[in-house]
């Protein structure tokens, strides 16, 4: 009996039992004692009774505890497969880079999983929850001995932001996060706005949706932006899907053209991987390769004429803060060892030259850097894009409006122009006006068939790098089309 009392005293001091109620802890201790000192059939019967009572009360404790939390979907390794699928499309395999699915899964941290499952929550709020240790995890592979294993298997434990997720793990957030306002994703479009956004569609399949972004409409929300394309797409382009389309790349607010969105989280992850591989794998070996997996072609009207009709711009870019400390710009840097920079490659080719000092260029970015085309045109070629006052202000000071080829037809267009939603003005901005709009348009994109890739992902013998590509073409916006007509007259 003294041995039993000694065992009771030592077990009650075990930290693993502190999370249980006092009654449950005592019952659990007695179960352990009876199993170690079976002196009669009574002790076995008592141990069984105590065990049943303890398990029942433990289930109630777990149920009450989970009621205080918002439960996220269990983490699945399929979320990692989507990223690997993008690499397979580019011809890369896990064995090529000594990468396994286990290694890839380990890169999915608790913070990333929460942000993926709760896109409506600001990143700063989620990080604060982790810092205050208010995030819990239920591990599916917790292992321990005897009773401790049964108790810990379904216990909620604190998790840090950088902890790796295992397949089947569930994350629990404080139930109060449900009260966070979600107006950003709940903007309700009226019928005219929905019809307009849907009229921008160029292509749609089960995996992606592509629109021809109009100039002047921001792609993503930010300071001073009330309506952005990703917010409007959540209402207008969701259709019968339970989740909204997700952005996978960007276009500047004043530029226009092809914008691709993933219709599901999986397809968006695949597209993210494809665009990332496009940039990270860019090299001189890719120049002139007719079988590029992803290819983008922009049209731009520039001031002046490049010295060569076509070529490759290889000029690293870096961000610099202006003297006022409130604004920043991208510039080409010469010494990459001193300044933090990003590798940037752009192919260009003259489409058409004009006697009036303008040139139409086709630009093919091999990397995806912020303001890459605008800076390469302005600083590397010395021919800033028309309407780019950030990087070509000096050239625009000397610019004079071009005389219109048909004043009567232009006047009629302005008189009959329809009013567009979101305050968009697509009728003005050609080179016939004093302040033309930005003349940069993503006209064509060759993109792998992601929908087909998702169907074939389980086939290990299928070479996804040979997938058929989707050819997407977006017509020029009105102001660029008028500038084309003016220079062609």
Protein backbone atom coordinates (compact mmCIF):
# COMPACT_ATOMS: atom_id res chain seq x y z
CA UNK A 1 0.00 0.00 0.00
CA UNK A 2 2.91 2.34 0.73
CA UNK A 3 4.17 1.67 -2.77
CA UNK A 4 0.75 2.66 -4.14
CA UNK A 5 0.74 5.90 -2.16
CA UNK A 6 4.24 6.65 -3.39
CA UNK A 7 3.11 5.99 -6.97
CA UNK A 8 0.08 8.26 -6.48
CA UNK A 9 2.28 11.08 -5.21
CA UNK A 10 4.73 10.83 -8.12
CA UNK A 11 2.05 10.60 -10.79
CA UNK A 12 0.18 13.63 -9.49
CA UNK A 13 3.35 15.65 -9.98
CA UNK A 14 3.49 14.79 -13.69
CA UNK A 15 2.98 17.97 -15.80
CA UNK A 16 1.23 16.06 -18.56
CA UNK A 17 -1.82 15.65 -16.34
CA UNK A 18 -2.18 19.30 -15.36
CA UNK A 19 -4.41 20.03 -18.36
CA UNK A 20 -7.07 17.64 -17.09
CA UNK A 21 -9.65 18.33 -14.39
CA UNK A 22 -8.74 17.25 -10.89
CA UNK A 23 -11.26 14.39 -10.84
CA UNK A 24 -10.08 13.07 -14.18
CA UNK A 25 -6.44 13.28 -13.13
CA UNK A 26 -7.11 11.34 -9.92
CA UNK A 27 -9.08 8.69 -11.78
CA UNK A 28 -6.33 8.38 -14.37
CA UNK A 29 -3.77 7.94 -11.59
CA UNK A 30 -5.76 5.21 -9.91
CA UNK A 31 -6.13 3.36 -13.20
CA UNK A 32 -2.35 3.35 -13.51
CA UNK A 33 -1.94 2.19 -9.89
CA UNK A 34 -4.46 -0.64 -10.16
CA UNK A 35 -2.81 -1.85 -13.34
CA UNK A 36 0.58 -1.94 -11.55
CA UNK A 37 -0.67 -3.57 -8.30
CA UNK A 38 -3.41 -6.10 -9.21
CA UNK A 39 -4.13 -7.87 -5.91
CA UNK A 40 -7.66 -9.11 -6.53
CA UNK A 41 -10.51 -9.24 -8.98
CA UNK A 42 -11.90 -6.19 -7.16
CA UNK A 43 -8.92 -4.13 -8.17
CA UNK A 44 -9.40 -5.09 -11.83
CA UNK A 45 -13.10 -4.25 -11.72
CA UNK A 46 -12.40 -0.97 -9.95
CA UNK A 47 -9.70 -0.09 -12.46
CA UNK A 48 -12.12 -0.76 -15.33
CA UNK A 49 -14.79 1.39 -13.73
CA UNK A 50 -12.38 4.20 -13.03
CA UNK A 51 -11.01 3.95 -16.59
CA UNK A 52 -14.48 4.19 -18.13
CA UNK A 53 -15.35 7.18 -15.98
CA UNK A 54 -12.07 8.89 -16.77
CA UNK A 55 -12.46 8.40 -20.51
CA UNK A 56 -16.01 9.73 -20.41
CA UNK A 57 -15.00 12.81 -18.50
CA UNK A 58 -11.97 13.31 -20.76
CA UNK A 59 -14.22 13.30 -23.82
CA UNK A 60 -16.41 15.94 -22.20
CA UNK A 61 -13.34 18.04 -21.37
CA UNK A 62 -12.12 17.85 -24.96
CA UNK A 63 -15.56 18.73 -26.30
CA UNK A 64 -15.82 21.77 -24.02
CA UNK A 65 -12.27 22.85 -24.85
CA UNK A 66 -12.80 22.64 -28.61
CA UNK A 67 -15.98 24.68 -28.31
CA UNK A 68 -13.82 27.70 -27.49
CA UNK A 69 -11.93 27.53 -30.77
CA UNK A 70 -12.44 27.99 -34.50
CA UNK A 71 -11.35 24.76 -36.18
CA UNK A 72 -9.48 24.98 -39.49
CA UNK A 73 -9.47 22.15 -42.08
CA UNK A 74 -6.89 19.41 -41.47
CA UNK A 75 -3.61 19.92 -43.25
CA UNK A 76 -3.20 17.59 -46.21
CA UNK A 77 -0.09 16.72 -48.17
CA UNK A 78 -2.09 17.41 -51.34
CA UNK A 79 -1.50 21.12 -50.71
CA UNK A 80 2.19 20.41 -51.22
CA UNK A 81 1.57 18.28 -54.30
CA UNK A 82 0.19 21.35 -56.09
CA UNK A 83 3.51 23.16 -55.69
CA UNK A 84 5.44 20.10 -56.86
CA UNK A 85 3.05 19.80 -59.79
CA UNK A 86 4.09 23.24 -61.00
CA UNK A 87 7.72 22.11 -60.92
CA UNK A 88 6.85 18.95 -62.87
CA UNK A 89 5.24 21.13 -65.54
CA UNK A 90 8.57 22.93 -65.86
CA UNK A 91 10.34 19.61 -66.24
CA UNK A 92 11.73 19.57 -62.70
CA UNK A 93 11.33 16.48 -60.52
CA UNK A 94 11.93 16.03 -56.79
CA UNK A 95 14.87 13.74 -57.54
CA UNK A 96 16.51 16.46 -59.63
CA UNK A 97 16.91 18.78 -56.65
CA UNK A 98 17.06 16.09 -53.96
CA UNK A 99 13.64 17.21 -52.84
CA UNK A 100 11.05 14.85 -51.46
CA UNK A 101 7.42 15.32 -50.58
CA UNK A 102 8.34 15.09 -46.90
CA UNK A 103 10.84 17.94 -47.29
CA UNK A 104 8.29 19.99 -49.20
CA UNK A 105 5.61 19.34 -46.59
CA UNK A 106 7.97 20.55 -43.88
CA UNK A 107 8.01 23.98 -45.53
CA UNK A 108 4.30 24.37 -44.75
CA UNK A 109 4.40 26.16 -41.40
CA UNK A 110 1.50 26.78 -39.06
CA UNK A 111 1.53 30.47 -40.00
CA UNK A 112 1.31 29.73 -43.73
CA UNK A 113 -1.51 27.26 -43.18
CA UNK A 114 -3.58 29.76 -41.17
CA UNK A 115 -3.07 32.47 -43.79
CA UNK A 116 -4.10 30.04 -46.52
CA UNK A 117 -7.25 28.90 -44.72
CA UNK A 118 -8.22 32.40 -43.52
CA UNK A 119 -7.37 34.86 -46.32
CA UNK A 120 -9.76 37.41 -44.76
CA UNK A 121 -7.57 37.78 -41.68
CA UNK A 122 -4.72 40.32 -41.89
CA UNK A 123 -1.26 38.83 -41.62
CA UNK A 124 -0.40 41.14 -38.72
CA UNK A 125 -3.40 39.84 -36.74
CA UNK A 126 -2.44 36.20 -37.31
CA UNK A 127 1.16 36.90 -36.30
CA UNK A 128 -0.09 38.58 -33.12
CA UNK A 129 -2.15 35.49 -32.23
CA UNK A 130 0.99 33.36 -32.52
CA UNK A 131 3.05 35.81 -30.46
CA UNK A 132 0.43 35.76 -27.69
CA UNK A 133 0.41 31.94 -27.86
CA UNK A 134 -3.31 31.86 -28.65
CA UNK A 135 -3.08 29.28 -31.45
CA UNK A 136 -3.51 25.56 -30.77
CA UNK A 137 -2.86 22.40 -32.73
CA UNK A 138 -4.30 18.91 -32.58
CA UNK A 139 -1.69 16.49 -33.87
CA UNK A 140 -2.81 13.33 -35.58
CA UNK A 141 0.44 11.44 -35.00
CA UNK A 142 1.10 12.10 -31.31
CA UNK A 143 2.52 8.98 -29.70
CA UNK A 144 3.14 8.21 -26.05
CA UNK A 145 2.96 5.25 -23.74
CA UNK A 146 -0.12 3.71 -22.14
CA UNK A 147 -2.55 6.18 -20.58
CA UNK A 148 -0.49 9.25 -21.48
CA UNK A 149 -0.84 8.30 -25.16
CA UNK A 150 -4.63 8.22 -24.88
CA UNK A 151 -4.73 11.56 -23.08
CA UNK A 152 -2.34 13.44 -25.39
CA UNK A 153 -3.60 12.08 -28.69
CA UNK A 154 -6.51 14.52 -28.88
CA UNK A 155 -5.17 17.27 -26.63
CA UNK A 156 -4.80 20.79 -27.98
CA UNK A 157 -1.25 22.04 -27.65
CA UNK A 158 0.27 25.44 -28.30
CA UNK A 159 1.94 25.85 -31.66
CA UNK A 160 4.39 28.49 -32.87
CA UNK A 161 4.29 30.24 -36.23
CA UNK A 162 7.33 28.39 -37.61
CA UNK A 163 6.30 24.89 -36.51
CA UNK A 164 6.00 22.50 -39.45
CA UNK A 165 2.61 20.97 -40.22
CA UNK A 166 2.12 17.21 -40.44
CA UNK A 167 -0.54 15.56 -42.54
CA UNK A 168 -3.83 15.47 -40.62
CA UNK A 169 -2.91 18.22 -38.14
CA UNK A 170 -5.70 20.64 -37.24
CA UNK A 171 -5.18 24.26 -36.20
CA UNK A 172 -7.50 25.96 -33.70
CA UNK A 173 -7.89 29.75 -33.50
CA UNK A 174 -9.73 31.75 -30.83
CA UNK A 175 -13.44 31.78 -31.68
CA UNK A 176 -13.37 35.59 -31.51
CA UNK A 177 -11.62 35.83 -34.89
CA UNK A 178 -15.02 35.15 -36.46
CA UNK A 179 -16.02 38.64 -35.38
CA UNK A 180 -13.32 40.23 -37.54
CA UNK A 181 -15.01 42.36 -40.23
CA UNK A 182 -14.68 40.96 -43.74
CA UNK A 183 -16.00 43.87 -45.82
CA UNK A 184 -12.91 43.56 -48.03
CA UNK A 185 -14.21 40.29 -49.47
CA UNK A 186 -17.92 41.03 -49.09
CA UNK A 187 -18.35 43.90 -51.56
CA UNK A 188 -21.66 43.33 -53.29
CA UNK A 189 -21.69 44.39 -56.94
CA UNK A 190 -24.86 45.61 -58.56
CA UNK A 191 -26.12 44.06 -61.78
CA UNK A 192 -24.33 46.52 -64.08
CA UNK A 193 -21.02 46.01 -62.26
CA UNK A 194 -21.35 42.22 -62.39
CA UNK A 195 -22.14 42.32 -66.11
CA UNK A 196 -19.15 44.55 -66.76
CA UNK A 197 -16.68 42.37 -64.83
CA UNK A 198 -18.01 39.25 -66.57
CA UNK A 199 -17.66 40.98 -69.95
CA UNK A 200 -13.90 41.11 -69.32
CA UNK A 201 -13.59 37.31 -69.41
CA UNK A 202 -11.27 35.90 -72.05
CA UNK A 203 -11.12 32.27 -70.95
CA UNK A 204 -12.53 29.98 -68.27
CA UNK A 205 -12.09 26.30 -67.39
CA UNK A 206 -12.41 24.32 -64.12
CA UNK A 207 -8.96 25.47 -62.92
CA UNK A 208 -8.43 29.06 -64.12
CA UNK A 209 -10.27 32.16 -65.19
CA UNK A 210 -8.65 34.86 -67.35
CA UNK A 211 -9.77 38.47 -67.78
CA UNK A 212 -8.68 41.43 -69.88
CA UNK A 213 -7.95 43.93 -67.12
CA UNK A 214 -8.94 47.49 -68.04
CA UNK A 215 -6.49 50.33 -67.35
CA UNK A 216 -7.20 52.30 -64.19
CA UNK A 217 -8.60 49.39 -62.18
CA UNK A 218 -6.25 48.23 -59.40
CA UNK A 219 -5.63 44.50 -59.18
CA UNK A 220 -5.29 44.34 -55.40
CA UNK A 221 -6.52 46.41 -52.48
CA UNK A 222 -4.38 48.80 -50.51
CA UNK A 223 -4.29 52.25 -48.92
CA UNK A 224 -6.90 54.47 -50.57
CA UNK A 225 -8.27 51.64 -52.76
CA UNK A 226 -11.94 50.83 -52.16
CA UNK A 227 -12.56 48.52 -55.11
CA UNK A 228 -9.97 46.18 -56.60
CA UNK A 229 -10.26 43.46 -59.21
CA UNK A 230 -9.64 40.61 -56.78
CA UNK A 231 -12.44 41.94 -54.55
CA UNK A 232 -14.83 42.36 -57.47
CA UNK A 233 -13.97 38.91 -58.83
CA UNK A 234 -15.02 37.35 -55.51
CA UNK A 235 -18.57 38.51 -56.24
CA UNK A 236 -18.74 38.51 -60.03
CA UNK A 237 -16.52 35.60 -61.13
CA UNK A 238 -17.13 33.00 -58.43
CA UNK A 239 -20.12 31.41 -60.23
CA UNK A 240 -21.00 28.06 -58.60
CA UNK A 241 -17.64 27.69 -56.83
CA UNK A 242 -17.52 27.80 -53.03
CA UNK A 243 -14.27 29.82 -53.05
CA UNK A 244 -13.41 33.04 -54.92
CA UNK A 245 -10.81 33.29 -57.69
CA UNK A 246 -7.29 33.98 -56.41
CA UNK A 247 -4.62 36.23 -57.90
CA UNK A 248 -1.42 34.51 -59.02
CA UNK A 249 0.41 37.45 -60.65
CA UNK A 250 0.04 41.22 -60.90
CA UNK A 251 -0.46 44.03 -63.38
CA UNK A 252 0.13 47.69 -62.57
CA UNK A 253 -3.00 49.76 -61.97
CA UNK A 254 -2.61 51.81 -65.18
CA UNK A 255 -1.54 48.89 -67.38
CA UNK A 256 -3.99 46.49 -69.00
CA UNK A 257 -4.30 43.06 -70.51
CA UNK A 258 -4.26 39.40 -69.56
CA UNK A 259 -4.69 38.62 -65.87
CA UNK A 260 -4.87 34.95 -64.78
CA UNK A 261 -6.59 33.81 -61.57
CA UNK A 262 -6.86 30.37 -59.99
CA UNK A 263 -10.42 29.21 -59.38
CA UNK A 264 -9.42 26.95 -56.48
CA UNK A 265 -6.69 26.97 -53.86
CA UNK A 266 -5.02 24.00 -55.57
CA UNK A 267 -4.98 25.53 -59.06
CA UNK A 268 -3.77 28.84 -57.61
CA UNK A 269 -0.87 27.04 -55.92
CA UNK A 270 0.06 25.34 -59.21
CA UNK A 271 -0.02 28.68 -61.03
CA UNK A 272 2.05 30.33 -58.29
CA UNK A 273 4.64 27.60 -58.74
CA UNK A 274 4.66 28.04 -62.54
CA UNK A 275 5.21 31.81 -62.37
CA UNK A 276 7.85 31.35 -59.68
CA UNK A 277 9.69 28.72 -61.72
CA UNK A 278 9.53 31.05 -64.72
CA UNK A 279 11.43 33.74 -62.84
CA UNK A 280 13.83 31.56 -60.86
CA UNK A 281 14.75 29.48 -63.92
CA UNK A 282 15.32 32.42 -66.27
CA UNK A 283 18.77 32.36 -67.83
CA UNK A 284 20.51 33.08 -71.08
CA UNK A 285 19.86 29.46 -72.07
CA UNK A 286 16.13 30.27 -72.17
CA UNK A 287 16.58 33.01 -74.77
CA UNK A 288 15.24 31.98 -78.15
CA UNK A 289 13.76 28.74 -76.79
CA UNK A 290 10.63 28.14 -78.85
CA UNK A 291 9.24 25.62 -76.34
CA UNK A 292 8.96 27.87 -73.33
CA UNK A 293 6.48 26.59 -70.79
CA UNK A 294 5.15 30.08 -69.96
CA UNK A 295 5.46 33.07 -72.25
CA UNK A 296 4.09 36.60 -71.92
CA UNK A 297 4.06 39.23 -74.66
CA UNK A 298 3.39 42.89 -73.92
CA UNK A 299 2.79 45.70 -76.37
CA UNK A 300 4.10 49.15 -75.48
CA UNK A 301 4.26 52.49 -77.25
CA UNK A 302 7.51 54.23 -76.36
CA UNK A 303 8.94 57.69 -76.92
CA UNK A 304 11.94 57.44 -79.27
CA UNK A 305 13.46 54.43 -81.03
CA UNK A 306 15.88 51.80 -79.64
CA UNK A 307 19.28 51.61 -81.29
CA UNK A 308 18.70 48.00 -82.26
CA UNK A 309 15.53 46.53 -83.69
CA UNK A 310 15.56 43.67 -81.20
CA UNK A 311 17.65 42.36 -78.35
CA UNK A 312 17.88 41.17 -74.78
CA UNK A 313 17.97 43.47 -71.77
CA UNK A 314 19.82 42.00 -68.80
CA UNK A 315 19.81 44.67 -66.12
CA UNK A 316 19.36 43.94 -62.38
CA UNK A 317 16.79 46.02 -60.55
CA UNK A 318 16.77 47.44 -57.03
CA UNK A 319 14.38 49.51 -54.95
CA UNK A 320 15.47 52.94 -53.76
CA UNK A 321 13.73 55.33 -51.36
CA UNK A 322 13.33 58.91 -52.52
CA UNK A 323 14.60 61.95 -50.59
CA UNK A 324 11.21 62.61 -48.99
CA UNK A 325 11.25 59.12 -47.47
CA UNK A 326 7.62 58.55 -48.43
CA UNK A 327 7.98 57.30 -52.00
CA UNK A 328 10.14 54.71 -53.70
CA UNK A 329 11.08 53.70 -57.21
CA UNK A 330 12.82 50.87 -59.03
CA UNK A 331 16.11 51.52 -60.80
CA UNK A 332 18.87 49.64 -62.62
CA UNK A 333 21.94 49.02 -60.48
CA UNK A 334 25.49 48.47 -61.74
CA UNK A 335 27.15 47.06 -58.63
CA UNK A 336 24.97 44.22 -57.35
CA UNK A 337 27.45 43.48 -54.55
CA UNK A 338 26.81 46.82 -52.85
CA UNK A 339 23.06 47.11 -53.42
CA UNK A 340 20.50 44.37 -52.90
CA UNK A 341 19.11 43.69 -56.36
CA UNK A 342 17.04 41.22 -58.38
CA UNK A 343 18.05 39.58 -61.63
CA UNK A 344 15.82 40.83 -64.49
CA UNK A 345 15.69 39.77 -68.15
CA UNK A 346 13.54 41.21 -70.94
CA UNK A 347 13.47 40.46 -74.65
CA UNK A 348 12.26 43.23 -76.94
CA UNK A 349 11.51 43.66 -80.63
CA UNK A 350 10.35 46.63 -82.68
CA UNK A 351 6.88 46.07 -84.13
CA UNK A 352 6.45 49.38 -85.91
CA UNK A 353 8.24 52.72 -86.05
CA UNK A 354 6.71 56.13 -86.70
CA UNK A 355 8.08 59.31 -88.22
CA UNK A 356 6.56 61.21 -85.31
CA UNK A 357 9.09 59.91 -82.78
CA UNK A 358 7.11 56.96 -81.45
CA UNK A 359 7.85 53.22 -81.62
CA UNK A 360 5.68 50.18 -80.95
CA UNK A 361 7.57 47.44 -79.07
CA UNK A 362 6.83 43.85 -78.19
CA UNK A 363 8.27 43.08 -74.75
CA UNK A 364 8.75 39.53 -73.48
CA UNK A 365 9.74 39.44 -69.78
CA UNK A 366 11.68 36.32 -68.80
CA UNK A 367 11.50 37.31 -65.13
CA UNK A 368 8.68 38.89 -63.17
CA UNK A 369 10.00 41.90 -61.25
CA UNK A 370 8.12 44.97 -60.09
CA UNK A 371 8.05 47.68 -62.80
CA UNK A 372 10.53 45.60 -64.82
CA UNK A 373 9.28 46.57 -68.30
CA UNK A 374 8.84 50.24 -67.44
CA UNK A 375 12.35 50.58 -66.00
CA UNK A 376 14.04 48.55 -68.74
CA UNK A 377 12.38 50.68 -71.42
CA UNK A 378 13.15 54.00 -69.72
CA UNK A 379 16.67 53.35 -68.41
CA UNK A 380 18.12 50.50 -70.48
CA UNK A 381 16.70 51.44 -73.90
CA UNK A 382 16.31 55.17 -73.24
CA UNK A 383 12.75 55.02 -74.60
CA UNK A 384 10.21 55.51 -71.78
CA UNK A 385 6.69 54.18 -72.25
CA UNK A 386 4.05 56.74 -73.22
CA UNK A 387 2.05 57.74 -70.15
CA UNK A 388 4.70 56.57 -67.68
CA UNK A 389 5.29 59.78 -65.76
CA UNK A 390 7.14 58.01 -62.94
CA UNK A 391 10.05 56.82 -65.08
CA UNK A 392 9.71 59.11 -68.12
CA UNK A 393 8.75 62.51 -66.74
CA UNK A 394 11.49 64.43 -68.53
CA UNK A 395 10.53 63.00 -71.93
CA UNK A 396 6.86 63.89 -71.41
CA UNK A 397 7.70 67.54 -70.73
CA UNK A 398 8.61 67.96 -74.39
CA UNK A 399 5.76 65.81 -75.71
CA UNK A 400 3.12 67.51 -77.86
CA UNK A 401 -0.34 66.05 -78.60
CA UNK A 402 -0.58 64.35 -81.99
CA UNK A 403 -3.17 65.79 -84.39
CA UNK A 404 -6.13 63.47 -84.73
CA UNK A 405 -6.59 61.80 -88.12
CA UNK A 406 -10.38 62.26 -88.06
CA UNK A 407 -11.73 64.94 -85.75
CA UNK A 408 -15.37 64.24 -86.59
CA UNK A 409 -15.15 60.56 -85.72
CA UNK A 410 -13.18 61.28 -82.51
CA UNK A 411 -15.74 63.90 -81.43
CA UNK A 412 -18.57 61.45 -82.06
CA UNK A 413 -16.82 58.82 -79.93
CA UNK A 414 -16.50 61.20 -77.00
CA UNK A 415 -20.13 62.33 -77.30
CA UNK A 416 -21.49 58.78 -77.39
CA UNK A 417 -19.14 57.17 -74.86
CA UNK A 418 -20.97 55.07 -72.31
CA UNK A 419 -20.59 55.54 -68.60
CA UNK A 420 -18.56 52.71 -67.09
CA UNK A 421 -18.73 51.49 -63.48
CA UNK A 422 -16.00 52.07 -60.88
CA UNK A 423 -15.26 55.52 -62.33
CA UNK A 424 -13.31 54.07 -65.28
CA UNK A 425 -12.57 56.31 -68.28
CA UNK A 426 -11.45 54.18 -71.21
CA UNK A 427 -12.27 56.57 -74.02
CA UNK A 428 -9.59 59.20 -73.37
CA UNK A 429 -5.83 58.91 -72.98
CA UNK A 430 -4.47 58.51 -76.52
CA UNK A 431 -1.47 60.42 -77.87
CA UNK A 432 -3.86 63.01 -79.29
CA UNK A 433 -4.30 64.37 -75.76
CA UNK A 434 -2.01 66.44 -73.59
CA UNK A 435 -1.64 63.78 -70.87
CA UNK A 436 -1.90 60.32 -72.45
CA UNK A 437 -2.52 57.24 -70.32
CA UNK A 438 0.04 54.48 -69.85
CA UNK A 439 0.52 52.55 -73.10
CA UNK A 440 1.49 49.13 -71.69
CA UNK A 441 -0.69 46.10 -72.43
CA UNK A 442 -0.25 42.37 -71.80
CA UNK A 443 -1.49 41.25 -75.22
CA UNK A 444 -0.67 37.53 -75.33
CA UNK A 445 0.15 34.71 -72.93
CA UNK A 446 0.99 31.08 -73.60
CA UNK A 447 0.09 29.14 -70.46
CA UNK A 448 0.21 25.39 -69.65
CA UNK A 449 -3.19 23.72 -69.40
CA UNK A 450 -3.39 23.57 -65.60
CA UNK A 451 -6.80 21.89 -65.62
CA UNK A 452 -5.40 19.00 -67.66
CA UNK A 453 -2.29 18.83 -65.47
CA UNK A 454 -4.46 18.39 -62.36
CA UNK A 455 -6.21 15.47 -64.05
CA UNK A 456 -2.92 13.81 -64.96
CA UNK A 457 -1.00 14.56 -61.76
CA UNK A 458 -1.35 11.01 -60.43
CA UNK A 459 0.26 9.57 -63.55
CA UNK A 460 3.96 9.13 -62.89
CA UNK A 461 4.66 8.20 -66.51
CA UNK A 462 3.16 11.39 -67.97
CA UNK A 463 5.63 14.11 -68.96
CA UNK A 464 3.76 17.24 -67.83
CA UNK A 465 6.38 19.47 -69.47
CA UNK A 466 4.88 18.40 -72.83
CA UNK A 467 1.37 19.55 -71.94
CA UNK A 468 -0.60 21.49 -74.50
CA UNK A 469 -0.56 25.25 -73.94
CA UNK A 470 -3.46 27.66 -73.91
CA UNK A 471 -3.04 30.66 -76.22
CA UNK A 472 -4.61 33.74 -74.63
CA UNK A 473 -4.96 36.99 -76.57
CA UNK A 474 -6.37 40.30 -75.29
CA UNK A 475 -7.38 43.13 -77.65
CA UNK A 476 -5.81 46.55 -77.12
CA UNK A 477 -7.62 49.02 -74.83
CA UNK A 478 -9.40 51.91 -76.53
CA UNK A 479 -6.73 54.57 -75.90
CA UNK A 480 -3.93 52.37 -77.30
CA UNK A 481 -6.02 51.37 -80.30
CA UNK A 482 -6.66 55.05 -81.10
CA UNK A 483 -2.93 55.80 -80.79
CA UNK A 484 -2.25 52.92 -83.20
CA UNK A 485 -4.78 54.33 -85.68
CA UNK A 486 -3.36 57.85 -85.37
CA UNK A 487 0.21 56.69 -86.06
CA UNK A 488 -0.96 54.47 -88.93
CA UNK A 489 -2.80 57.27 -90.74
